[in-house]
Amino acid sequence: MSARRIDLFDTTRPVIAMIHVGALPGTPAARLGLAELEKQAVEEARVFHKAGVQGLMLENMHDTPYLRGGVGPEIVAALTLIARAVKEATRLPCGIQVLAGANLEAMAVAHAAALDFIRVEGFAFAHVADEGIMESSAAALLRYRRMIGAERVRVWADVKKKHSAHAITADVGIGEMAHAVEFMRGEAVIVTGSVTGDAPDPVDLAEARRHSRLPLILGSGVSKANLKQFFEGADGFIVGSDFKEAGHWSRAVDEGRVQAFMNLHRSLGM
C-alpha cells in the first residue's frame, strides 16, 4: 500500500520520537529547574537525531495529575523555552502536545517556538478522559490559529483517544471520526491503542484509512517487535515507550533501542 505523504517530511512513513519533558514548575512532581529540564530534552533530541529519526515531539506527560482543557502561563512559558531549544538543536520537524486537552496553549507554544504541528485530543466529537468530559475543540482551535497567524502549524488529531472512555460515542465508528477530522480541517489522523504503550487494533487502522484521505499516524505502542506488521498500513509513527529503557515511557532514553528500531525502519523502507 502506498503511503500518503506528510508534507512536513522529505520521506515517507517518518518516525517521530517522543520527548517526555520532565515535570514542569508548579506541578506535583516538579523537582528540576528549567535549565535542567531544557538540558535533558535537548540531550534526548540529539540522541534521536543521531539515530536518524525524521521528527520530534514534546509532551508534558510527567505533569500528572493533568488539568482539563487548559494549563497555566507557567506551563506555556516553560514549554515554549524547552521546545524552542529542541527545535534549534536539531532543525527537525517538531510538534507538541499539552496535556490534557490544552490545545489552544499547544498552538501558542508551537507558534512561539517555531514548531510544525500540534497533537490534539478532542478535536472532533467528545469523549470522557481521566480528567472529565473533553468537548470538541476544532472550531475554537482553528479560529485561534487564524487569529494569531499560526496557519503554518499543522493539526494532528487523535480519534478514539487512549486513556479515555468512548461510551457516549459508541454509535460513531473510528472511521466516521477520522472523516470528521478531515471535514473539520485537520491535517492528520492519529490512531492509538487503549493506553500508553499499547498498539492500535489493525481493524481500527484499516477503518480509519478507508474513511479519510488524511495521513494516518500511529500514536502509541509501535515497537521494533511490531513495526513490520504496521509498516504498510500507516503513514507515520510516533514512538515513545519503545525508545526507553525496558520499553517504559518514564525511563531514560536507550540509545541502543532507538538505533535498533531505526535500522529496522530503514530496512523496511528500502
C-alpha atoms as a PDB file:
ATOM      1  CA  MET A   1       0.000   0.000   0.000  1.00  0.00           C
ATOM      2  CA  SER A   2       1.439   3.365  -0.990  1.00  0.00           C
ATOM      3  CA  ALA A   3       1.987   5.850   1.822  1.00  0.00           C
ATOM      4  CA  ARG A   4       0.235   9.211   1.996  1.00  0.00           C
ATOM      5  CA  ARG A   5       2.904  11.867   2.165  1.00  0.00           C
ATOM      6  CA  ILE A   6       3.043  14.060   5.266  1.00  0.00           C
ATOM      7  CA  ASP A   7       4.127  17.359   3.789  1.00  0.00           C
ATOM      8  CA  LEU A   8       6.462  18.294   6.662  1.00  0.00           C
ATOM      9  CA  PHE A   9       8.840  15.465   5.772  1.00  0.00           C
ATOM     10  CA  ASP A  10      11.035  14.619   2.813  1.00  0.00           C
ATOM     11  CA  THR A  11      10.498  10.877   3.320  1.00  0.00           C
ATOM     12  CA  THR A  12       7.502   8.587   3.564  1.00  0.00           C
ATOM     13  CA  ARG A  13       6.453   6.880   6.812  1.00  0.00           C
ATOM     14  CA  PRO A  14       8.538   9.122   9.109  1.00  0.00           C
ATOM     15  CA  VAL A  15       9.393   8.212  12.693  1.00  0.00           C
ATOM     16  CA  ILE A  16       8.564  10.955  15.200  1.00  0.00           C
ATOM     17  CA  ALA A  17      10.340  10.398  18.522  1.00  0.00           C
ATOM     18  CA  MET A  18       8.554  11.470  21.688  1.00  0.00           C
ATOM     19  CA  ILE A  19      10.345  13.576  24.302  1.00  0.00           C
ATOM     20  CA  HIS A  20       8.547  13.272  27.623  1.00  0.00           C
ATOM     21  CA  VAL A  21       9.587  16.560  29.213  1.00  0.00           C
ATOM     22  CA  GLY A  22      10.269  16.335  32.956  1.00  0.00           C
ATOM     23  CA  ALA A  23       7.668  17.583  35.430  1.00  0.00           C
ATOM     24  CA  LEU A  24       7.252  21.309  34.897  1.00  0.00           C
ATOM     25  CA  PRO A  25       7.248  24.106  37.506  1.00  0.00           C
ATOM     26  CA  GLY A  26       4.165  24.147  39.701  1.00  0.00           C
ATOM     27  CA  THR A  27       3.176  20.512  39.067  1.00  0.00           C
ATOM     28  CA  PRO A  28       3.173  17.974  41.924  1.00  0.00           C
ATOM     29  CA  ALA A  29       6.223  16.006  40.719  1.00  0.00           C
ATOM     30  CA  ALA A  30       8.359  19.045  39.819  1.00  0.00           C
ATOM     31  CA  ARG A  31      11.912  18.699  41.102  1.00  0.00           C
ATOM     32  CA  LEU A  32      14.186  20.278  38.488  1.00  0.00           C
ATOM     33  CA  GLY A  33      14.657  23.839  37.332  1.00  0.00           C
ATOM     34  CA  LEU A  34      14.022  24.982  33.780  1.00  0.00           C
ATOM     35  CA  ALA A  35      17.689  24.929  32.812  1.00  0.00           C
ATOM     36  CA  GLU A  36      17.979  21.249  33.751  1.00  0.00           C
ATOM     37  CA  LEU A  37      14.703  20.333  32.073  1.00  0.00           C
ATOM     38  CA  GLU A  38      15.842  22.069  28.890  1.00  0.00           C
ATOM     39  CA  LYS A  39      19.216  20.306  29.017  1.00  0.00           C
ATOM     40  CA  GLN A  40      17.560  16.887  29.386  1.00  0.00           C
ATOM     41  CA  ALA A  41      15.175  17.497  26.488  1.00  0.00           C
ATOM     42  CA  VAL A  42      17.935  18.721  24.180  1.00  0.00           C
ATOM     43  CA  GLU A  43      20.151  15.750  25.053  1.00  0.00           C
ATOM     44  CA  GLU A  44      17.329  13.353  24.197  1.00  0.00           C
ATOM     45  CA  ALA A  45      16.661  15.213  20.957  1.00  0.00           C
ATOM     46  CA  ARG A  46      20.294  14.842  19.932  1.00  0.00           C
ATOM     47  CA  VAL A  47      20.247  11.094  20.621  1.00  0.00           C
ATOM     48  CA  PHE A  48      17.165  10.740  18.434  1.00  0.00           C
ATOM     49  CA  HIS A  49      18.627  12.935  15.703  1.00  0.00           C
ATOM     50  CA  LYS A  50      21.861  10.944  15.645  1.00  0.00           C
ATOM     51  CA  ALA A  51      19.904   7.698  15.242  1.00  0.00           C
ATOM     52  CA  GLY A  52      18.130   9.094  12.196  1.00  0.00           C
ATOM     53  CA  VAL A  53      14.577   9.809  13.337  1.00  0.00           C
ATOM     54  CA  GLN A  54      12.768  12.130  10.972  1.00  0.00           C
ATOM     55  CA  GLY A  55      10.852  14.199  13.528  1.00  0.00           C
ATOM     56  CA  LEU A  56      10.400  15.020  17.204  1.00  0.00           C
ATOM     57  CA  MET A  57       7.503  15.712  19.517  1.00  0.00           C
ATOM     58  CA  LEU A  58       7.327  17.043  23.069  1.00  0.00           C
ATOM     59  CA  GLU A  59       4.748  16.228  25.722  1.00  0.00           C
ATOM     60  CA  ASN A  60       4.321  17.183  29.376  1.00  0.00           C
ATOM     61  CA  MET A  61       3.470  13.626  30.426  1.00  0.00           C
ATOM     62  CA  HIS A  62       5.163  13.918  33.839  1.00  0.00           C
ATOM     63  CA  ASP A  63       2.750  16.696  34.898  1.00  0.00           C
ATOM     64  CA  THR A  64       0.232  14.309  36.490  1.00  0.00           C
ATOM     65  CA  PRO A  65      -2.497  14.778  37.534  1.00  0.00           C
ATOM     66  CA  TYR A  66      -3.389  16.748  34.434  1.00  0.00           C
ATOM     67  CA  LEU A  67      -5.583  19.796  34.255  1.00  0.00           C
ATOM     68  CA  ARG A  68      -8.547  19.549  31.882  1.00  0.00           C
ATOM     69  CA  GLY A  69      -8.660  21.670  28.769  1.00  0.00           C
ATOM     70  CA  GLY A  70      -6.086  24.256  29.770  1.00  0.00           C
ATOM     71  CA  VAL A  71      -2.850  24.957  31.645  1.00  0.00           C
ATOM     72  CA  GLY A  72      -1.356  27.994  33.347  1.00  0.00           C
ATOM     73  CA  PRO A  73       1.033  30.574  31.888  1.00  0.00           C
ATOM     74  CA  GLU A  74       3.940  28.971  33.763  1.00  0.00           C
ATOM     75  CA  ILE A  75       3.483  25.754  31.715  1.00  0.00           C
ATOM     76  CA  VAL A  76       3.138  27.634  28.427  1.00  0.00           C
ATOM     77  CA  ALA A  77       6.271  29.667  29.164  1.00  0.00           C
ATOM     78  CA  ALA A  78       8.325  26.631  30.214  1.00  0.00           C
ATOM     79  CA  LEU A  79       7.292  24.522  27.235  1.00  0.00           C
ATOM     80  CA  THR A  80       7.993  27.358  24.806  1.00  0.00           C
ATOM     81  CA  LEU A  81      11.517  27.728  26.174  1.00  0.00           C
ATOM     82  CA  ILE A  82      12.221  23.987  26.049  1.00  0.00           C
ATOM     83  CA  ALA A  83      10.572  23.405  22.676  1.00  0.00           C
ATOM     84  CA  ARG A  84      12.481  26.221  21.008  1.00  0.00           C
ATOM     85  CA  ALA A  85      15.777  24.818  22.328  1.00  0.00           C
ATOM     86  CA  VAL A  86      14.927  21.357  20.955  1.00  0.00           C
ATOM     87  CA  LYS A  87      13.947  22.777  17.576  1.00  0.00           C
ATOM     88  CA  GLU A  88      17.118  24.858  17.317  1.00  0.00           C
ATOM     89  CA  ALA A  89      19.330  21.913  18.353  1.00  0.00           C
ATOM     90  CA  THR A  90      18.082  19.590  15.592  1.00  0.00           C
ATOM     91  CA  ARG A  91      16.164  21.594  12.955  1.00  0.00           C
ATOM     92  CA  LEU A  92      13.906  18.566  12.538  1.00  0.00           C
ATOM     93  CA  PRO A  93      10.141  18.852  12.085  1.00  0.00           C
ATOM     94  CA  CYS A  94       8.859  19.135  15.623  1.00  0.00           C
ATOM     95  CA  GLY A  95       5.488  19.138  17.359  1.00  0.00           C
ATOM     96  CA  ILE A  96       3.940  19.332  20.790  1.00  0.00           C
ATOM     97  CA  GLN A  97       1.010  18.074  22.838  1.00  0.00           C
ATOM     98  CA  VAL A  98      -0.020  19.828  26.051  1.00  0.00           C
ATOM     99  CA  LEU A  99      -1.945  17.615  28.449  1.00  0.00           C
ATOM    100  CA  ALA A 100      -4.733  17.344  28.971  1.00  0.00           C
ATOM    101  CA  GLY A 101      -6.573  18.798  26.025  1.00  0.00           C
ATOM    102  CA  ALA A 102      -4.786  22.144  26.326  1.00  0.00           C
ATOM    103  CA  ASN A 103      -4.986  22.620  22.581  1.00  0.00           C
ATOM    104  CA  LEU A 104      -5.040  26.421  22.424  1.00  0.00           C
ATOM    105  CA  GLU A 105      -1.961  26.513  24.649  1.00  0.00           C
ATOM    106  CA  ALA A 106      -0.257  23.944  22.407  1.00  0.00           C
ATOM    107  CA  MET A 107      -0.941  26.131  19.390  1.00  0.00           C
ATOM    108  CA  ALA A 108       0.512  29.158  21.196  1.00  0.00           C
ATOM    109  CA  VAL A 109       3.657  27.239  22.154  1.00  0.00           C
ATOM    110  CA  ALA A 110       4.092  25.886  18.633  1.00  0.00           C
ATOM    111  CA  HIS A 111       3.712  29.334  17.108  1.00  0.00           C
ATOM    112  CA  ALA A 112       6.154  30.991  19.522  1.00  0.00           C
ATOM    113  CA  ALA A 113       8.734  28.179  19.344  1.00  0.00           C
ATOM    114  CA  ALA A 114       8.571  27.788  15.530  1.00  0.00           C
ATOM    115  CA  LEU A 115       7.255  24.225  15.782  1.00  0.00           C
ATOM    116  CA  ASP A 116       5.499  22.497  12.917  1.00  0.00           C
ATOM    117  CA  PHE A 117       2.497  20.656  14.339  1.00  0.00           C
ATOM    118  CA  ILE A 118       0.436  20.008  17.442  1.00  0.00           C
ATOM    119  CA  ARG A 119      -1.198  16.805  18.622  1.00  0.00           C
ATOM    120  CA  VAL A 120      -4.801  17.432  19.629  1.00  0.00           C
ATOM    121  CA  GLU A 121      -7.202  15.399  21.739  1.00  0.00           C
ATOM    122  CA  GLY A 122     -10.889  16.174  21.482  1.00  0.00           C
ATOM    123  CA  PHE A 123     -10.674  17.751  18.028  1.00  0.00           C
ATOM    124  CA  ALA A 124     -13.836  16.124  16.694  1.00  0.00           C
ATOM    125  CA  PHE A 125     -16.508  14.575  18.959  1.00  0.00           C
ATOM    126  CA  ALA A 126     -16.459  14.473  22.751  1.00  0.00           C
ATOM    127  CA  HIS A 127     -15.094  11.739  24.999  1.00  0.00           C
ATOM    128  CA  VAL A 128     -14.592  11.107  28.700  1.00  0.00           C
ATOM    129  CA  ALA A 129     -10.973  11.283  29.814  1.00  0.00           C
ATOM    130  CA  ASP A 130      -9.364  10.752  33.229  1.00  0.00           C
ATOM    131  CA  GLU A 131      -9.906  14.467  33.803  1.00  0.00           C
ATOM    132  CA  GLY A 132     -13.575  14.568  32.787  1.00  0.00           C
ATOM    133  CA  ILE A 133     -15.545  15.296  29.632  1.00  0.00           C
ATOM    134  CA  MET A 134     -13.489  16.611  26.723  1.00  0.00           C
ATOM    135  CA  GLU A 135     -15.553  18.582  24.210  1.00  0.00           C
ATOM    136  CA  SER A 136     -14.704  19.043  20.547  1.00  0.00           C
ATOM    137  CA  SER A 137     -12.154  21.822  20.138  1.00  0.00           C
ATOM    138  CA  ALA A 138     -11.920  22.151  16.356  1.00  0.00           C
ATOM    139  CA  ALA A 139     -13.917  25.353  15.931  1.00  0.00           C
ATOM    140  CA  ALA A 140     -12.195  27.343  18.676  1.00  0.00           C
ATOM    141  CA  LEU A 141      -8.747  25.959  17.864  1.00  0.00           C
ATOM    142  CA  LEU A 142      -8.742  26.772  14.160  1.00  0.00           C
ATOM    143  CA  ARG A 143     -10.145  30.245  14.765  1.00  0.00           C
ATOM    144  CA  TYR A 144      -7.411  30.822  17.333  1.00  0.00           C
ATOM    145  CA  ARG A 145      -4.794  29.585  14.843  1.00  0.00           C
ATOM    146  CA  ARG A 146      -6.053  32.102  12.309  1.00  0.00           C
ATOM    147  CA  MET A 147      -6.206  34.910  14.879  1.00  0.00           C
ATOM    148  CA  ILE A 148      -2.548  34.561  15.936  1.00  0.00           C
ATOM    149  CA  GLY A 149      -1.268  33.964  12.399  1.00  0.00           C
ATOM    150  CA  ALA A 150      -0.166  30.381  13.032  1.00  0.00           C
ATOM    151  CA  GLU A 151      -1.596  28.751   9.890  1.00  0.00           C
ATOM    152  CA  ARG A 152       1.745  27.016   9.227  1.00  0.00           C
ATOM    153  CA  VAL A 153       1.231  24.900  12.383  1.00  0.00           C
ATOM    154  CA  ARG A 154      -0.485  21.634  11.382  1.00  0.00           C
ATOM    155  CA  VAL A 155      -3.143  19.941  13.496  1.00  0.00           C
ATOM    156  CA  TRP A 156      -2.781  16.187  14.047  1.00  0.00           C
ATOM    157  CA  ALA A 157      -5.904  14.846  15.761  1.00  0.00           C
ATOM    158  CA  ASP A 158      -6.405  11.717  17.853  1.00  0.00           C
ATOM    159  CA  VAL A 159      -9.522   9.640  17.217  1.00  0.00           C
ATOM    160  CA  LYS A 160     -10.944   7.309  19.886  1.00  0.00           C
ATOM    161  CA  LYS A 161      -8.097   8.558  22.060  1.00  0.00           C
ATOM    162  CA  LYS A 162      -6.249   6.300  24.516  1.00  0.00           C
ATOM    163  CA  HIS A 163      -6.875   6.601  28.273  1.00  0.00           C
ATOM    164  CA  SER A 164     -10.472   7.558  27.551  1.00  0.00           C
ATOM    165  CA  ALA A 165     -13.992   6.155  27.619  1.00  0.00           C
ATOM    166  CA  HIS A 166     -15.981   6.412  24.409  1.00  0.00           C
ATOM    167  CA  ALA A 167     -19.402   5.164  25.520  1.00  0.00           C
ATOM    168  CA  ILE A 168     -21.022   8.485  24.619  1.00  0.00           C
ATOM    169  CA  THR A 169     -19.898   7.991  21.021  1.00  0.00           C
ATOM    170  CA  ALA A 170     -20.346   4.220  20.919  1.00  0.00           C
ATOM    171  CA  ASP A 171     -22.530   4.547  17.811  1.00  0.00           C
ATOM    172  CA  VAL A 172     -19.823   6.526  15.990  1.00  0.00           C
ATOM    173  CA  GLY A 173     -17.134   4.352  14.442  1.00  0.00           C
ATOM    174  CA  ILE A 174     -13.472   5.303  14.290  1.00  0.00           C
ATOM    175  CA  GLY A 175     -13.821   5.689  10.526  1.00  0.00           C
ATOM    176  CA  GLU A 176     -16.546   8.291  10.977  1.00  0.00           C
ATOM    177  CA  MET A 177     -14.351  10.121  13.461  1.00  0.00           C
ATOM    178  CA  ALA A 178     -11.424  10.086  11.040  1.00  0.00           C
ATOM    179  CA  HIS A 179     -13.711  11.503   8.357  1.00  0.00           C
ATOM    180  CA  ALA A 180     -14.851  14.205  10.799  1.00  0.00           C
ATOM    181  CA  VAL A 181     -11.239  15.256  11.399  1.00  0.00           C
ATOM    182  CA  GLU A 182     -10.851  15.745   7.660  1.00  0.00           C
ATOM    183  CA  PHE A 183     -14.189  17.583   7.390  1.00  0.00           C
ATOM    184  CA  MET A 184     -13.199  19.863  10.279  1.00  0.00           C
ATOM    185  CA  ARG A 185      -9.931  20.776   8.516  1.00  0.00           C
ATOM    186  CA  GLY A 186      -7.413  18.741  10.493  1.00  0.00           C
ATOM    187  CA  GLU A 187      -4.191  17.781   8.711  1.00  0.00           C
ATOM    188  CA  ALA A 188      -3.581  14.234  10.013  1.00  0.00           C
ATOM    189  CA  VAL A 189      -5.355  11.493  11.956  1.00  0.00           C
ATOM    190  CA  ILE A 190      -3.727   9.664  14.895  1.00  0.00           C
ATOM    191  CA  VAL A 191      -4.822   6.163  15.901  1.00  0.00           C
ATOM    192  CA  THR A 192      -3.724   4.619  19.218  1.00  0.00           C
ATOM    193  CA  GLY A 193      -4.228   1.637  21.461  1.00  0.00           C
ATOM    194  CA  SER A 194      -6.261   1.919  24.638  1.00  0.00           C
ATOM    195  CA  VAL A 195      -3.379   3.083  26.873  1.00  0.00           C
ATOM    196  CA  THR A 196       0.187   4.367  26.528  1.00  0.00           C
ATOM    197  CA  GLY A 197       2.405   1.608  25.172  1.00  0.00           C
ATOM    198  CA  ASP A 198      -0.470  -0.418  23.676  1.00  0.00           C
ATOM    199  CA  ALA A 199      -0.503  -0.909  19.915  1.00  0.00           C
ATOM    200  CA  PRO A 200      -3.545   0.078  17.844  1.00  0.00           C
ATOM    201  CA  ASP A 201      -6.021  -2.527  16.648  1.00  0.00           C
ATOM    202  CA  PRO A 202      -5.281  -3.213  12.952  1.00  0.00           C
ATOM    203  CA  VAL A 203      -9.043  -3.181  12.328  1.00  0.00           C
ATOM    204  CA  ASP A 204      -9.248   0.392  13.637  1.00  0.00           C
ATOM    205  CA  LEU A 205      -6.325   1.376  11.471  1.00  0.00           C
ATOM    206  CA  ALA A 206      -7.932  -0.049   8.339  1.00  0.00           C
ATOM    207  CA  GLU A 207     -11.308   1.564   9.080  1.00  0.00           C
ATOM    208  CA  ALA A 208      -9.759   4.985   9.654  1.00  0.00           C
ATOM    209  CA  ARG A 209      -7.856   4.730   6.381  1.00  0.00           C
ATOM    210  CA  ARG A 210     -10.986   3.795   4.426  1.00  0.00           C
ATOM    211  CA  HIS A 211     -12.895   6.832   5.665  1.00  0.00           C
ATOM    212  CA  SER A 212     -10.289   9.594   5.445  1.00  0.00           C
ATOM    213  CA  ARG A 213      -7.814  10.825   2.858  1.00  0.00           C
ATOM    214  CA  LEU A 214      -5.581  12.377   5.512  1.00  0.00           C
ATOM    215  CA  PRO A 215      -2.231  10.883   6.524  1.00  0.00           C
ATOM    216  CA  LEU A 216      -2.717   8.206   9.176  1.00  0.00           C
ATOM    217  CA  ILE A 217      -0.248   8.173  12.049  1.00  0.00           C
ATOM    218  CA  LEU A 218       0.149   5.518  14.727  1.00  0.00           C
ATOM    219  CA  GLY A 219       0.348   7.238  18.101  1.00  0.00           C
ATOM    220  CA  SER A 220       1.049   4.504  20.641  1.00  0.00           C
ATOM    221  CA  GLY A 221       2.525   1.047  21.051  1.00  0.00           C
ATOM    222  CA  VAL A 222       4.721   0.979  17.955  1.00  0.00           C
ATOM    223  CA  SER A 223       7.816  -1.106  18.682  1.00  0.00           C
ATOM    224  CA  LYS A 224      10.626  -2.920  16.942  1.00  0.00           C
ATOM    225  CA  ALA A 225       8.630  -6.113  17.528  1.00  0.00           C
ATOM    226  CA  ASN A 226       5.533  -4.941  15.591  1.00  0.00           C
ATOM    227  CA  LEU A 227       6.856  -2.304  13.186  1.00  0.00           C
ATOM    228  CA  LYS A 228       6.877  -4.722  10.248  1.00  0.00           C
ATOM    229  CA  GLN A 229       3.223  -5.602  10.920  1.00  0.00           C
ATOM    230  CA  PHE A 230       2.130  -1.964  10.823  1.00  0.00           C
ATOM    231  CA  PHE A 231       4.581  -0.559   8.287  1.00  0.00           C
ATOM    232  CA  GLU A 232       2.472  -0.782   5.137  1.00  0.00           C
ATOM    233  CA  GLY A 233      -0.758   0.387   6.759  1.00  0.00           C
ATOM    234  CA  ALA A 234       0.461   3.646   8.293  1.00  0.00           C
ATOM    235  CA  ASP A 235       1.893   6.926   7.032  1.00  0.00           C
ATOM    236  CA  GLY A 236       3.943   7.790  10.121  1.00  0.00           C
ATOM    237  CA  PHE A 237       4.857   6.571  13.594  1.00  0.00           C
ATOM    238  CA  ILE A 238       5.037   8.438  16.915  1.00  0.00           C
ATOM    239  CA  VAL A 239       7.340   6.351  19.117  1.00  0.00           C
ATOM    240  CA  GLY A 240       7.865   6.916  22.836  1.00  0.00           C
ATOM    241  CA  SER A 241       7.888   3.871  25.111  1.00  0.00           C
ATOM    242  CA  ASP A 242       9.908   1.589  22.830  1.00  0.00           C
ATOM    243  CA  PHE A 243      12.786   4.080  22.805  1.00  0.00           C
ATOM    244  CA  LYS A 244      13.092   3.983  26.603  1.00  0.00           C
ATOM    245  CA  GLU A 245      14.875   1.589  28.948  1.00  0.00           C
ATOM    246  CA  ALA A 246      12.819  -1.605  29.357  1.00  0.00           C
ATOM    247  CA  GLY A 247      10.258  -0.114  26.958  1.00  0.00           C
ATOM    248  CA  HIS A 248       8.652   2.064  29.655  1.00  0.00           C
ATOM    249  CA  TRP A 249       7.775   5.671  28.888  1.00  0.00           C
ATOM    250  CA  SER A 250       9.010   7.067  32.219  1.00  0.00           C
ATOM    251  CA  ARG A 251      12.537   5.652  31.931  1.00  0.00           C
ATOM    252  CA  ALA A 252      15.597   7.189  30.275  1.00  0.00           C
ATOM    253  CA  VAL A 253      16.150   7.015  26.522  1.00  0.00           C
ATOM    254  CA  ASP A 254      18.011   3.851  25.481  1.00  0.00           C
ATOM    255  CA  GLU A 255      20.245   4.727  22.539  1.00  0.00           C
ATOM    256  CA  GLY A 256      20.627   1.064  21.570  1.00  0.00           C
ATOM    257  CA  ARG A 257      16.864   0.565  21.340  1.00  0.00           C
ATOM    258  CA  VAL A 258      16.483   3.713  19.254  1.00  0.00           C
ATOM    259  CA  GLN A 259      19.202   2.623  16.841  1.00  0.00           C
ATOM    260  CA  ALA A 260      17.795  -0.902  16.514  1.00  0.00           C
ATOM    261  CA  PHE A 261      14.329   0.458  15.713  1.00  0.00           C
ATOM    262  CA  MET A 262      15.652   2.893  13.133  1.00  0.00           C
ATOM    263  CA  ASN A 263      17.807   0.217  11.485  1.00  0.00           C
ATOM    264  CA  LEU A 264      14.688  -1.902  11.025  1.00  0.00           C
ATOM    265  CA  HIS A 265      12.682   1.086   9.792  1.00  0.00           C
ATOM    266  CA  ARG A 266      15.310   1.834   7.148  1.00  0.00           C
ATOM    267  CA  SER A 267      15.396  -1.781   6.002  1.00  0.00           C
ATOM    268  CA  LEU A 268      11.600  -1.906   5.586  1.00  0.00           C
ATOM    269  CA  GLY A 269      11.615   1.291   3.557  1.00  0.00           C
ATOM    270  CA  MET A 270      14.158   0.106   1.020  1.00  0.00           C
END
